[in-house]
PDB file of N, CA and C in Angstrom:
ATOM      1  N   MET A   1     -18.550  -0.314  -4.631  1.00  0.00           N
ATOM      2  CA  MET A   1     -17.290  -0.595  -3.873  1.00  0.00           C
ATOM      3  C   MET A   1     -16.690   0.613  -3.206  1.00  0.00           C
ATOM      4  N   PRO A   2     -16.364   0.624  -2.247  1.00  0.00           N
ATOM      5  CA  PRO A   2     -16.042   1.816  -1.371  1.00  0.00           C
ATOM      6  C   PRO A   2     -14.374   2.165  -1.848  1.00  0.00           C
ATOM      7  N   LYS A   3     -14.201   3.576  -1.581  1.00  0.00           N
ATOM      8  CA  LYS A   3     -13.079   3.967  -1.993  1.00  0.00           C
ATOM      9  C   LYS A   3     -11.869   3.475  -1.127  1.00  0.00           C
ATOM     10  N   VAL A   4     -10.915   3.240  -1.507  1.00  0.00           N
ATOM     11  CA  VAL A   4      -9.509   2.734  -0.661  1.00  0.00           C
ATOM     12  C   VAL A   4      -8.850   4.018  -0.325  1.00  0.00           C
ATOM     13  N   LYS A   5      -8.435   3.807   0.943  1.00  0.00           N
ATOM     14  CA  LYS A   5      -7.677   5.217   1.379  1.00  0.00           C
ATOM     15  C   LYS A   5      -6.293   5.122   0.728  1.00  0.00           C
ATOM     16  N   ASP A   6      -5.779   6.195   0.423  1.00  0.00           N
ATOM     17  CA  ASP A   6      -4.565   6.238  -0.151  1.00  0.00           C
ATOM     18  C   ASP A   6      -3.586   6.219   0.732  1.00  0.00           C
ATOM     19  N   TYR A   7      -2.913   5.282   1.199  1.00  0.00           N
ATOM     20  CA  TYR A   7      -1.746   5.196   2.155  1.00  0.00           C
ATOM     21  C   TYR A   7      -0.463   5.672   1.814  1.00  0.00           C
ATOM     22  N   TYR A   8      -0.361   5.676   0.462  1.00  0.00           N
ATOM     23  CA  TYR A   8       0.973   6.272   0.129  1.00  0.00           C
ATOM     24  C   TYR A   8       0.853   7.944   0.190  1.00  0.00           C
ATOM     25  N   ASP A   9      -0.223   8.516   0.193  1.00  0.00           N
ATOM     26  CA  ASP A   9      -0.393   9.839   0.131  1.00  0.00           C
ATOM     27  C   ASP A   9      -0.273  10.350   1.671  1.00  0.00           C
ATOM     28  N   VAL A  10      -0.806   9.385   2.515  1.00  0.00           N
ATOM     29  CA  VAL A  10      -0.634   9.683   4.096  1.00  0.00           C
ATOM     30  C   VAL A  10       0.757   9.637   4.488  1.00  0.00           C
ATOM     31  N   LEU A  11       1.445   8.698   4.029  1.00  0.00           N
ATOM     32  CA  LEU A  11       2.897   8.602   4.205  1.00  0.00           C
ATOM     33  C   LEU A  11       3.935   9.642   3.471  1.00  0.00           C
ATOM     34  N   GLY A  12       3.144  10.098   2.326  1.00  0.00           N
ATOM     35  CA  GLY A  12       3.924  11.047   1.733  1.00  0.00           C
ATOM     36  C   GLY A  12       5.056  10.411   0.747  1.00  0.00           C
ATOM     37  N   VAL A  13       4.835   9.178   0.133  1.00  0.00           N
ATOM     38  CA  VAL A  13       5.785   8.581  -0.619  1.00  0.00           C
ATOM     39  C   VAL A  13       5.166   8.175  -2.097  1.00  0.00           C
ATOM     40  N   PRO A  14       5.873   7.954  -3.096  1.00  0.00           N
ATOM     41  CA  PRO A  14       5.509   7.662  -4.387  1.00  0.00           C
ATOM     42  C   PRO A  14       4.931   6.208  -4.252  1.00  0.00           C
ATOM     43  N   ARG A  15       4.160   5.800  -5.184  1.00  0.00           N
ATOM     44  CA  ARG A  15       3.705   4.345  -5.312  1.00  0.00           C
ATOM     45  C   ARG A  15       4.692   3.459  -5.718  1.00  0.00           C
ATOM     46  N   ARG A  16       5.718   3.585  -6.286  1.00  0.00           N
ATOM     47  CA  ARG A  16       6.779   3.030  -6.598  1.00  0.00           C
ATOM     48  C   ARG A  16       8.144   2.999  -5.349  1.00  0.00           C
ATOM     49  N   ALA A  17       7.661   3.538  -4.316  1.00  0.00           N
ATOM     50  CA  ALA A  17       8.730   3.598  -3.241  1.00  0.00           C
ATOM     51  C   ALA A  17       8.888   2.256  -2.700  1.00  0.00           C
ATOM     52  N   HIS A  18      10.239   2.322  -2.527  1.00  0.00           N
ATOM     53  CA  HIS A  18      11.066   0.972  -1.819  1.00  0.00           C
ATOM     54  C   HIS A  18      10.397   0.898  -0.536  1.00  0.00           C
ATOM     55  N   VAL A  19      10.578  -0.349  -0.145  1.00  0.00           N
ATOM     56  CA  VAL A  19       9.872  -0.660   1.324  1.00  0.00           C
ATOM     57  C   VAL A  19      11.044   0.314   2.585  1.00  0.00           C
ATOM     58  N   ARG A  20      12.103   0.730   2.208  1.00  0.00           N
ATOM     59  CA  ARG A  20      13.002   1.385   3.100  1.00  0.00           C
ATOM     60  C   ARG A  20      12.315   2.747   2.991  1.00  0.00           C
ATOM     61  N   ALA A  21      12.075   3.428   1.762  1.00  0.00           N
ATOM     62  CA  ALA A  21      11.537   4.681   1.944  1.00  0.00           C
ATOM     63  C   ALA A  21      10.426   4.639   2.681  1.00  0.00           C
ATOM     64  N   VAL A  22       9.608   3.782   2.352  1.00  0.00           N
ATOM     65  CA  VAL A  22       8.288   3.918   3.201  1.00  0.00           C
ATOM     66  C   VAL A  22       8.679   3.970   4.781  1.00  0.00           C
ATOM     67  N   GLU A  23       9.545   3.191   5.135  1.00  0.00           N
ATOM     68  CA  GLU A  23       9.908   2.652   6.434  1.00  0.00           C
ATOM     69  C   GLU A  23      10.502   4.214   6.995  1.00  0.00           C
ATOM     70  N   GLU A  24      11.318   4.789   6.095  1.00  0.00           N
ATOM     71  CA  GLU A  24      12.103   5.951   6.637  1.00  0.00           C
ATOM     72  C   GLU A  24      10.911   7.036   6.889  1.00  0.00           C
ATOM     73  N   SER A  25      10.019   7.310   5.940  1.00  0.00           N
ATOM     74  CA  SER A  25       9.096   8.135   6.111  1.00  0.00           C
ATOM     75  C   SER A  25       8.087   8.018   7.317  1.00  0.00           C
ATOM     76  N   TYR A  26       7.626   6.898   7.556  1.00  0.00           N
ATOM     77  CA  TYR A  26       7.134   6.684   8.731  1.00  0.00           C
ATOM     78  C   TYR A  26       7.719   6.809   9.735  1.00  0.00           C
ATOM     79  N   TRP A  27       8.835   6.488  10.033  1.00  0.00           N
ATOM     80  CA  TRP A  27       9.757   6.946  11.336  1.00  0.00           C
ATOM     81  C   TRP A  27       9.923   8.301  11.598  1.00  0.00           C
ATOM     82  N   GLU A  28      10.060   8.930  10.552  1.00  0.00           N
ATOM     83  CA  GLU A  28      10.556  10.517  10.625  1.00  0.00           C
ATOM     84  C   GLU A  28       9.210  11.283  10.878  1.00  0.00           C
ATOM     85  N   GLN A  29       8.175  10.974  10.342  1.00  0.00           N
ATOM     86  CA  GLN A  29       6.978  11.971  10.866  1.00  0.00           C
ATOM     87  C   GLN A  29       6.262  11.152  11.977  1.00  0.00           C
ATOM     88  N   ALA A  30       6.452  10.252  12.286  1.00  0.00           N
ATOM     89  CA  ALA A  30       6.013   9.717  13.917  1.00  0.00           C
ATOM     90  C   ALA A  30       6.837   9.967  14.953  1.00  0.00           C
ATOM     91  N   HIS A  31       8.099  10.326  14.582  1.00  0.00           N
ATOM     92  CA  HIS A  31       8.892  10.914  15.662  1.00  0.00           C
ATOM     93  C   HIS A  31       8.741  12.142  15.671  1.00  0.00           C
ATOM     94  N   GLU A  32       8.364  13.110  14.774  1.00  0.00           N
ATOM     95  CA  GLU A  32       7.826  14.385  14.949  1.00  0.00           C
ATOM     96  C   GLU A  32       6.600  14.572  15.470  1.00  0.00           C
ATOM     97  N   LEU A  33       5.592  13.662  15.147  1.00  0.00           N
ATOM     98  CA  LEU A  33       4.410  13.811  15.905  1.00  0.00           C
ATOM     99  C   LEU A  33       4.372  13.770  17.264  1.00  0.00           C
ATOM    100  N   LYS A  34       5.087  12.890  17.817  1.00  0.00           N
ATOM    101  CA  LYS A  34       5.225  12.253  19.301  1.00  0.00           C
ATOM    102  C   LYS A  34       5.697  13.430  20.041  1.00  0.00           C
ATOM    103  N   LYS A  35       6.247  14.554  19.526  1.00  0.00           N
ATOM    104  CA  LYS A  35       6.832  15.574  20.176  1.00  0.00           C
ATOM    105  C   LYS A  35       5.734  16.306  20.566  1.00  0.00           C
ATOM    106  N   VAL A  36       4.566  16.526  19.689  1.00  0.00           N
ATOM    107  CA  VAL A  36       3.604  17.360  19.980  1.00  0.00           C
ATOM    108  C   VAL A  36       2.575  16.527  20.464  1.00  0.00           C
ATOM    109  N   PRO A  37       2.240  16.376  21.668  1.00  0.00           N
ATOM    110  CA  PRO A  37       1.051  15.748  22.277  1.00  0.00           C
ATOM    111  C   PRO A  37      -0.480  16.442  22.281  1.00  0.00           C
ATOM    112  N   THR A  38      -0.919  16.372  20.975  1.00  0.00           N
ATOM    113  CA  THR A  38      -2.268  17.160  20.796  1.00  0.00           C
ATOM    114  C   THR A  38      -3.348  16.033  20.101  1.00  0.00           C
ATOM    115  N   ARG A  39      -4.649  16.425  19.980  1.00  0.00           N
ATOM    116  CA  ARG A  39      -5.259  15.254  19.687  1.00  0.00           C
ATOM    117  C   ARG A  39      -5.117  15.370  18.158  1.00  0.00           C
ATOM    118  N   LYS A  40      -4.750  16.386  17.445  1.00  0.00           N
ATOM    119  CA  LYS A  40      -4.668  16.533  15.876  1.00  0.00           C
ATOM    120  C   LYS A  40      -3.373  15.651  15.722  1.00  0.00           C
ATOM    121  N   ALA A  41      -2.529  15.526  16.553  1.00  0.00           N
ATOM    122  CA  ALA A  41      -0.889  14.803  15.929  1.00  0.00           C
ATOM    123  C   ALA A  41      -1.338  13.502  16.569  1.00  0.00           C
ATOM    124  N   ALA A  42      -2.143  13.165  17.417  1.00  0.00           N
ATOM    125  CA  ALA A  42      -2.570  11.852  17.625  1.00  0.00           C
ATOM    126  C   ALA A  42      -3.324  10.870  16.835  1.00  0.00           C
ATOM    127  N   LYS A  43      -4.242  11.740  15.899  1.00  0.00           N
ATOM    128  CA  LYS A  43      -5.142  11.441  15.072  1.00  0.00           C
ATOM    129  C   LYS A  43      -4.335  11.039  13.912  1.00  0.00           C
ATOM    130  N   ARG A  44      -3.308  11.706  13.478  1.00  0.00           N
ATOM    131  CA  ARG A  44      -2.398  11.977  12.429  1.00  0.00           C
ATOM    132  C   ARG A  44      -1.430  10.620  12.661  1.00  0.00           C
ATOM    133  N   LEU A  45      -0.743  10.380  13.956  1.00  0.00           N
ATOM    134  CA  LEU A  45      -0.209   9.565  14.191  1.00  0.00           C
ATOM    135  C   LEU A  45      -0.883   7.955  13.882  1.00  0.00           C
ATOM    136  N   SER A  46      -2.055   8.063  14.310  1.00  0.00           N
ATOM    137  CA  SER A  46      -3.166   6.679  14.102  1.00  0.00           C
ATOM    138  C   SER A  46      -3.226   6.625  12.560  1.00  0.00           C
ATOM    139  N   ALA A  47      -3.292   7.550  11.537  1.00  0.00           N
ATOM    140  CA  ALA A  47      -3.290   7.499  10.433  1.00  0.00           C
ATOM    141  C   ALA A  47      -1.891   6.801   9.523  1.00  0.00           C
ATOM    142  N   LEU A  48      -0.912   7.570  10.368  1.00  0.00           N
ATOM    143  CA  LEU A  48       0.313   6.753   9.805  1.00  0.00           C
ATOM    144  C   LEU A  48       0.482   5.690  10.182  1.00  0.00           C
ATOM    145  N   ASN A  49       0.225   5.079  11.262  1.00  0.00           N
ATOM    146  CA  ASN A  49       0.196   3.689  12.062  1.00  0.00           C
ATOM    147  C   ASN A  49      -0.187   2.768  10.724  1.00  0.00           C
ATOM    148  N   GLU A  50      -1.826   3.122  10.661  1.00  0.00           N
ATOM    149  CA  GLU A  50      -2.585   1.938   9.705  1.00  0.00           C
ATOM    150  C   GLU A  50      -1.789   2.172   8.369  1.00  0.00           C
ATOM    151  N   ALA A  51      -1.511   3.463   7.870  1.00  0.00           N
ATOM    152  CA  ALA A  51      -0.743   3.139   6.425  1.00  0.00           C
ATOM    153  C   ALA A  51       0.522   2.368   6.545  1.00  0.00           C
ATOM    154  N   TYR A  52       1.319   2.356   7.757  1.00  0.00           N
ATOM    155  CA  TYR A  52       2.603   1.521   7.720  1.00  0.00           C
ATOM    156  C   TYR A  52       2.289   0.121   8.051  1.00  0.00           C
ATOM    157  N   GLU A  53       1.368   0.075   8.551  1.00  0.00           N
ATOM    158  CA  GLU A  53       1.024  -1.589   8.751  1.00  0.00           C
ATOM    159  C   GLU A  53       0.602  -2.073   7.440  1.00  0.00           C
ATOM    160  N   ILE A  54      -0.095  -1.156   6.547  1.00  0.00           N
ATOM    161  CA  ILE A  54      -0.200  -2.086   5.010  1.00  0.00           C
ATOM    162  C   ILE A  54       0.999  -1.878   4.417  1.00  0.00           C
ATOM    163  N   LEU A  55       1.639  -0.569   4.026  1.00  0.00           N
ATOM    164  CA  LEU A  55       2.829  -0.539   3.191  1.00  0.00           C
ATOM    165  C   LEU A  55       4.037  -1.312   3.660  1.00  0.00           C
ATOM    166  N   GLY A  56       4.157  -1.387   4.848  1.00  0.00           N
ATOM    167  CA  GLY A  56       5.440  -1.911   5.510  1.00  0.00           C
ATOM    168  C   GLY A  56       5.526  -3.471   5.392  1.00  0.00           C
ATOM    169  N   THR A  57       4.180  -4.086   5.076  1.00  0.00           N
ATOM    170  CA  THR A  57       4.375  -5.398   5.070  1.00  0.00           C
ATOM    171  C   THR A  57       4.240  -5.981   3.503  1.00  0.00           C
ATOM    172  N   PRO A  58       4.926  -6.563   2.914  1.00  0.00           N
ATOM    173  CA  PRO A  58       5.057  -6.846   1.383  1.00  0.00           C
ATOM    174  C   PRO A  58       3.801  -7.499   0.986  1.00  0.00           C
ATOM    175  N   HIS A  59       3.165  -8.632   1.740  1.00  0.00           N
ATOM    176  CA  HIS A  59       1.736  -9.446   1.287  1.00  0.00           C
ATOM    177  C   HIS A  59       0.550  -8.427   1.078  1.00  0.00           C
ATOM    178  N   LYS A  60       0.618  -7.575   2.445  1.00  0.00           N
ATOM    179  CA  LYS A  60      -0.534  -6.666   2.534  1.00  0.00           C
ATOM    180  C   LYS A  60      -0.357  -5.447   1.731  1.00  0.00           C
ATOM    181  N   ARG A  61       0.746  -4.958   1.394  1.00  0.00           N
ATOM    182  CA  ARG A  61       1.056  -4.105   0.356  1.00  0.00           C
ATOM    183  C   ARG A  61       0.707  -4.472  -1.100  1.00  0.00           C
ATOM    184  N   LEU A  62       0.804  -5.511  -1.301  1.00  0.00           N
ATOM    185  CA  LEU A  62       0.383  -5.992  -2.677  1.00  0.00           C
ATOM    186  C   LEU A  62      -1.380  -6.252  -2.849  1.00  0.00           C
ATOM    187  N   ARG A  63      -1.881  -6.825  -1.647  1.00  0.00           N
ATOM    188  CA  ARG A  63      -3.408  -6.984  -1.541  1.00  0.00           C
ATOM    189  C   ARG A  63      -3.902  -5.619  -1.629  1.00  0.00           C
ATOM    190  N   TYR A  64      -3.012  -4.535  -1.169  1.00  0.00           N
ATOM    191  CA  TYR A  64      -3.794  -2.912  -0.986  1.00  0.00           C
ATOM    192  C   TYR A  64      -3.835  -2.398  -2.291  1.00  0.00           C
ATOM    193  N   ASP A  65      -2.613  -2.900  -2.969  1.00  0.00           N
ATOM    194  CA  ASP A  65      -2.466  -2.147  -4.433  1.00  0.00           C
ATOM    195  C   ASP A  65      -3.338  -2.641  -5.553  1.00  0.00           C
ATOM    196  N   GLN A  66      -3.603  -3.927  -5.189  1.00  0.00           N
ATOM    197  CA  GLN A  66      -4.738  -4.511  -5.926  1.00  0.00           C
ATOM    198  C   GLN A  66      -6.001  -4.108  -5.806  1.00  0.00           C
ATOM    199  N   GLN A  67      -6.452  -3.954  -4.503  1.00  0.00           N
ATOM    200  CA  GLN A  67      -7.484  -3.202  -4.040  1.00  0.00           C
ATOM    201  C   GLN A  67      -7.796  -1.786  -4.541  1.00  0.00           C
ATOM    202  N   TRP A  68      -6.550  -1.189  -4.616  1.00  0.00           N
ATOM    203  CA  TRP A  68      -6.869   0.267  -5.059  1.00  0.00           C
ATOM    204  C   TRP A  68      -6.974   0.348  -6.542  1.00  0.00           C
ATOM    205  N   MET A  69      -6.080  -0.364  -6.990  1.00  0.00           N
ATOM    206  CA  MET A  69      -6.263  -0.382  -8.575  1.00  0.00           C
ATOM    207  C   MET A  69      -7.687  -0.928  -9.150  1.00  0.00           C
ATOM    208  N   THR A  70      -8.343  -1.918  -8.272  1.00  0.00           N
ATOM    209  CA  THR A  70      -9.670  -1.991  -8.686  1.00  0.00           C
ATOM    210  C   THR A  70     -10.562  -1.079  -8.362  1.00  0.00           C
ATOM    211  N   SER A  71     -10.300  -0.264  -7.218  1.00  0.00           N
ATOM    212  CA  SER A  71     -11.208   0.813  -6.995  1.00  0.00           C
ATOM    213  C   SER A  71     -10.919   2.065  -7.925  1.00  0.00           C
ATOM    214  N   ALA A  72      -9.604   2.429  -8.327  1.00  0.00           N
ATOM    215  CA  ALA A  72      -9.414   3.387  -9.354  1.00  0.00           C
ATOM    216  C   ALA A  72     -10.041   3.047 -10.970  1.00  0.00           C
ATOM    217  N   ALA A  73     -10.222   1.878 -11.124  1.00  0.00           N
ATOM    218  CA  ALA A  73     -10.982   1.307 -12.337  1.00  0.00           C
ATOM    219  C   ALA A  73     -12.347   1.561 -12.366  1.00  0.00           C
ATOM    220  N   GLY A  74     -13.008   1.781 -11.100  1.00  0.00           N
ATOM    221  CA  GLY A  74     -14.458   2.077 -11.090  1.00  0.00           C
ATOM    222  C   GLY A  74     -15.114   0.498 -10.562  1.00  0.00           C
ATOM    223  N   GLY A  75     -14.264  -0.204  -9.985  1.00  0.00           N
ATOM    224  CA  GLY A  75     -14.780  -1.508  -9.340  1.00  0.00           C
ATOM    225  C   GLY A  75     -14.646  -2.660 -10.361  1.00  0.00           C
ATOM    226  N   GLU A  76     -14.082  -2.343 -11.551  1.00  0.00           N
ATOM    227  CA  GLU A  76     -14.071  -3.465 -12.557  1.00  0.00           C
ATOM    228  C   GLU A  76     -12.785  -3.900 -12.384  1.00  0.00           C
ATOM    229  N   ALA A  77     -12.395  -5.161 -11.749  1.00  0.00           N
ATOM    230  CA  ALA A  77     -11.346  -5.643 -11.752  1.00  0.00           C
ATOM    231  C   ALA A  77     -10.275  -6.083 -12.712  1.00  0.00           C
ATOM    232  N   ARG A  78      -9.166  -5.698 -12.641  1.00  0.00           N
ATOM    233  CA  ARG A  78      -8.122  -5.667 -14.116  1.00  0.00           C
ATOM    234  C   ARG A  78      -7.017  -6.665 -13.449  1.00  0.00           C
ATOM    235  N   PRO A  79      -6.660  -7.834 -14.202  1.00  0.00           N
ATOM    236  CA  PRO A  79      -5.591  -8.527 -13.681  1.00  0.00           C
ATOM    237  C   PRO A  79      -4.306  -7.750 -13.719  1.00  0.00           C
ATOM    238  N   SER A  80      -3.536  -7.867 -12.523  1.00  0.00           N
ATOM    239  CA  SER A  80      -2.389  -7.533 -12.564  1.00  0.00           C
ATOM    240  C   SER A  80      -1.290  -8.372 -13.398  1.00  0.00           C
ATOM    241  N   VAL A  81      -0.002  -7.606 -13.690  1.00  0.00           N
ATOM    242  CA  VAL A  81       0.786  -8.372 -14.505  1.00  0.00           C
ATOM    243  C   VAL A  81       1.305  -9.474 -13.608  1.00  0.00           C
ATOM    244  N   LEU A  82       1.445  -9.378 -12.331  1.00  0.00           N
ATOM    245  CA  LEU A  82       1.968 -10.572 -11.566  1.00  0.00           C
ATOM    246  C   LEU A  82       0.782 -11.753 -11.646  1.00  0.00           C
ATOM    247  N   GLN A  83      -0.724 -11.425 -11.554  1.00  0.00           N
ATOM    248  CA  GLN A  83      -1.383 -12.337 -11.643  1.00  0.00           C
ATOM    249  C   GLN A  83      -1.483 -13.149 -13.051  1.00  0.00           C
ATOM    250  N   ALA A  84      -1.155 -12.368 -13.962  1.00  0.00           N
ATOM    251  CA  ALA A  84      -0.922 -13.028 -15.505  1.00  0.00           C
ATOM    252  C   ALA A  84       0.080 -14.031 -15.492  1.00  0.00           C
ATOM    253  N   PHE A  85       1.299 -13.668 -15.052  1.00  0.00           N
ATOM    254  CA  PHE A  85       2.645 -14.218 -14.746  1.00  0.00           C
ATOM    255  C   PHE A  85       2.171 -15.759 -13.986  1.00  0.00           C
ATOM    256  N   VAL A  86       1.641 -15.302 -12.915  1.00  0.00           N
ATOM    257  CA  VAL A  86       1.384 -16.748 -12.084  1.00  0.00           C
ATOM    258  C   VAL A  86       0.422 -17.683 -12.848  1.00  0.00           C
ATOM    259  N   SER A  87      -0.623 -17.224 -13.630  1.00  0.00           N
ATOM    260  CA  SER A  87      -1.442 -17.956 -14.504  1.00  0.00           C
ATOM    261  C   SER A  87      -0.585 -18.314 -15.655  1.00  0.00           C
ATOM    262  N   LEU A  88       0.423 -17.866 -16.315  1.00  0.00           N
ATOM    263  CA  LEU A  88       1.092 -18.505 -17.335  1.00  0.00           C
ATOM    264  C   LEU A  88       1.896 -19.472 -16.672  1.00  0.00           C
ATOM    265  N   LEU A  89       2.442 -19.307 -15.694  1.00  0.00           N
ATOM    266  CA  LEU A  89       3.159 -20.426 -14.894  1.00  0.00           C
ATOM    267  C   LEU A  89       2.689 -21.622 -14.519  1.00  0.00           C
ATOM    268  N   SER A  90       1.417 -21.408 -14.309  1.00  0.00           N
ATOM    269  CA  SER A  90       0.717 -22.599 -13.827  1.00  0.00           C
ATOM    270  C   SER A  90       0.212 -23.486 -14.715  1.00  0.00           C
ATOM    271  N   ARG A  91       0.060 -23.143 -15.864  1.00  0.00           N
ATOM    272  CA  ARG A  91      -0.362 -23.642 -17.030  1.00  0.00           C
ATOM    273  C   ARG A  91       0.809 -24.923 -17.336  1.00  0.00           C
ATOM    274  N   PRO A  92       0.105 -26.267 -17.797  1.00  0.00           N
ATOM    275  CA  PRO A  92       1.004 -27.370 -17.789  1.00  0.00           C
ATOM    276  C   PRO A  92       1.782 -27.234 -19.196  1.00  0.00           C
ATOM    277  N   PHE A  93       2.967 -27.744 -18.967  1.00  0.00           N
ATOM    278  CA  PHE A  93       3.849 -27.443 -20.152  1.00  0.00           C
ATOM    279  C   PHE A  93       3.477 -28.388 -21.360  1.00  0.00           C
ATOM    280  N   ARG A  94       3.113 -27.775 -22.441  1.00  0.00           N
ATOM    281  CA  ARG A  94       2.820 -28.694 -23.857  1.00  0.00           C
ATOM    282  C   ARG A  94       3.617 -28.348 -25.008  1.00  0.00           C
ATOM    283  N   PRO A  95       4.913 -28.942 -25.037  1.00  0.00           N
ATOM    284  CA  PRO A  95       5.722 -28.702 -26.276  1.00  0.00           C
ATOM    285  C   PRO A  95       5.106 -29.125 -27.721  1.00  0.00           C
ATOM    286  N   ASP A  96       5.254 -28.004 -28.519  1.00  0.00           N
ATOM    287  CA  ASP A  96       4.406 -28.137 -29.802  1.00  0.00           C
ATOM    288  C   ASP A  96       5.026 -29.156 -30.800  1.00  0.00           C
TER     289      ASP A  96
END
């Protein structure tokens, strides 16, 4: 399995960052990069756009986090807490 890019590192935010912190980091960095029209700045802005596209959208961020966890585990999929919770709720109720 190919290594997943660390979009949190690209944006300079921690993994537990609120979506608002992700947005603020993106806009702050993008604004500064747009002031300097160089190829290096354009490449960095492209990386920021890619990271923000994923981390700024809740369902894409969840999918990305799951892929990153799988990649970090060496390709071995580990169920997330959310997946375990959904699995538990989807079982039929059987009173004892």
